Amino acid sequence: MAKKTVASLQTKDKNLTKVIKMVKSPKTGAYTFKEEIVPNDKIKEWFEKN
């Protein structure tokens, strides 16, 4: 289950998006969140690798 964007950030060079992915720990079963700011054209790649 993934959550795409909380905020879109714009700079002169690129449009950036803060992406958040919920990850379940195999040991404890607890959920953690991975957050990162990535360029808009790399969002799909980020979700695939993380």
C-alpha atoms as a PDB file:
ATOM      1  CA  MET A   1       0.000   0.000   0.000  1.00  0.00           C
ATOM      2  CA  ALA A   2       1.546   3.287  -1.007  1.00  0.00           C
ATOM      3  CA  LYS A   3       0.628   6.871  -0.509  1.00  0.00           C
ATOM      4  CA  LYS A   4       1.813   9.114  -3.303  1.00  0.00           C
ATOM      5  CA  THR A   5       2.053  12.754  -2.427  1.00  0.00           C
ATOM      6  CA  VAL A   6       1.605  14.970   0.546  1.00  0.00           C
ATOM      7  CA  ALA A   7       3.084  18.106  -0.962  1.00  0.00           C
ATOM      8  CA  SER A   8       4.390  19.175  -4.334  1.00  0.00           C
ATOM      9  CA  LEU A   9       7.512  21.273  -4.155  1.00  0.00           C
ATOM     10  CA  GLN A  10       8.593  23.473  -7.019  1.00  0.00           C
ATOM     11  CA  THR A  11      12.009  24.907  -7.719  1.00  0.00           C
ATOM     12  CA  LYS A  12      13.403  26.668 -10.749  1.00  0.00           C
ATOM     13  CA  ASP A  13      14.986  23.499 -12.101  1.00  0.00           C
ATOM     14  CA  LYS A  14      12.621  20.649 -11.271  1.00  0.00           C
ATOM     15  CA  ASN A  15       9.260  19.866  -9.745  1.00  0.00           C
ATOM     16  CA  LEU A  16       9.713  17.743  -6.657  1.00  0.00           C
ATOM     17  CA  THR A  17       7.265  15.589  -4.715  1.00  0.00           C
ATOM     18  CA  LYS A  18       7.460  14.206  -1.198  1.00  0.00           C
ATOM     19  CA  VAL A  19       6.636  10.495  -1.393  1.00  0.00           C
ATOM     20  CA  ILE A  20       5.701   8.290   1.544  1.00  0.00           C
ATOM     21  CA  LYS A  21       5.562   4.498   1.536  1.00  0.00           C
ATOM     22  CA  MET A  22       4.249   2.335   4.366  1.00  0.00           C
ATOM     23  CA  VAL A  23       6.402  -0.765   4.989  1.00  0.00           C
ATOM     24  CA  LYS A  24       5.541  -3.679   7.281  1.00  0.00           C
ATOM     25  CA  SER A  25       8.369  -5.215   9.307  1.00  0.00           C
ATOM     26  CA  PRO A  26       8.577  -9.002   8.839  1.00  0.00           C
ATOM     27  CA  LYS A  27       9.901  -9.513  12.400  1.00  0.00           C
ATOM     28  CA  THR A  28       7.538  -7.442  14.514  1.00  0.00           C
ATOM     29  CA  GLY A  29       4.643  -6.782  12.162  1.00  0.00           C
ATOM     30  CA  ALA A  30       4.845  -3.067  12.936  1.00  0.00           C
ATOM     31  CA  TYR A  31       4.484  -0.521  10.152  1.00  0.00           C
ATOM     32  CA  THR A  32       7.104   2.108   9.403  1.00  0.00           C
ATOM     33  CA  PHE A  33       7.111   4.898   6.866  1.00  0.00           C
ATOM     34  CA  LYS A  34       9.807   5.705   4.322  1.00  0.00           C
ATOM     35  CA  GLU A  35       9.780   9.338   3.212  1.00  0.00           C
ATOM     36  CA  GLU A  36      11.845  11.067   0.566  1.00  0.00           C
ATOM     37  CA  ILE A  37      11.672  14.045  -1.765  1.00  0.00           C
ATOM     38  CA  VAL A  38      12.122  12.941  -5.384  1.00  0.00           C
ATOM     39  CA  PRO A  39      11.740  14.536  -8.829  1.00  0.00           C
ATOM     40  CA  ASN A  40       8.315  13.991 -10.417  1.00  0.00           C
ATOM     41  CA  ASP A  41       9.743  11.877 -13.245  1.00  0.00           C
ATOM     42  CA  LYS A  42      11.345   9.408 -10.768  1.00  0.00           C
ATOM     43  CA  ILE A  43       8.301   8.670  -8.568  1.00  0.00           C
ATOM     44  CA  LYS A  44       7.421   5.288 -10.120  1.00  0.00           C
ATOM     45  CA  GLU A  45      11.045   4.147  -9.952  1.00  0.00           C
ATOM     46  CA  TRP A  46      11.256   5.102  -6.271  1.00  0.00           C
ATOM     47  CA  PHE A  47       8.166   3.043  -5.382  1.00  0.00           C
ATOM     48  CA  GLU A  48       9.467   0.048  -7.347  1.00  0.00           C
ATOM     49  CA  LYS A  49      12.903  -0.001  -5.665  1.00  0.00           C
ATOM     50  CA  ASN A  50      11.737   0.741  -2.102  1.00  0.00           C
END
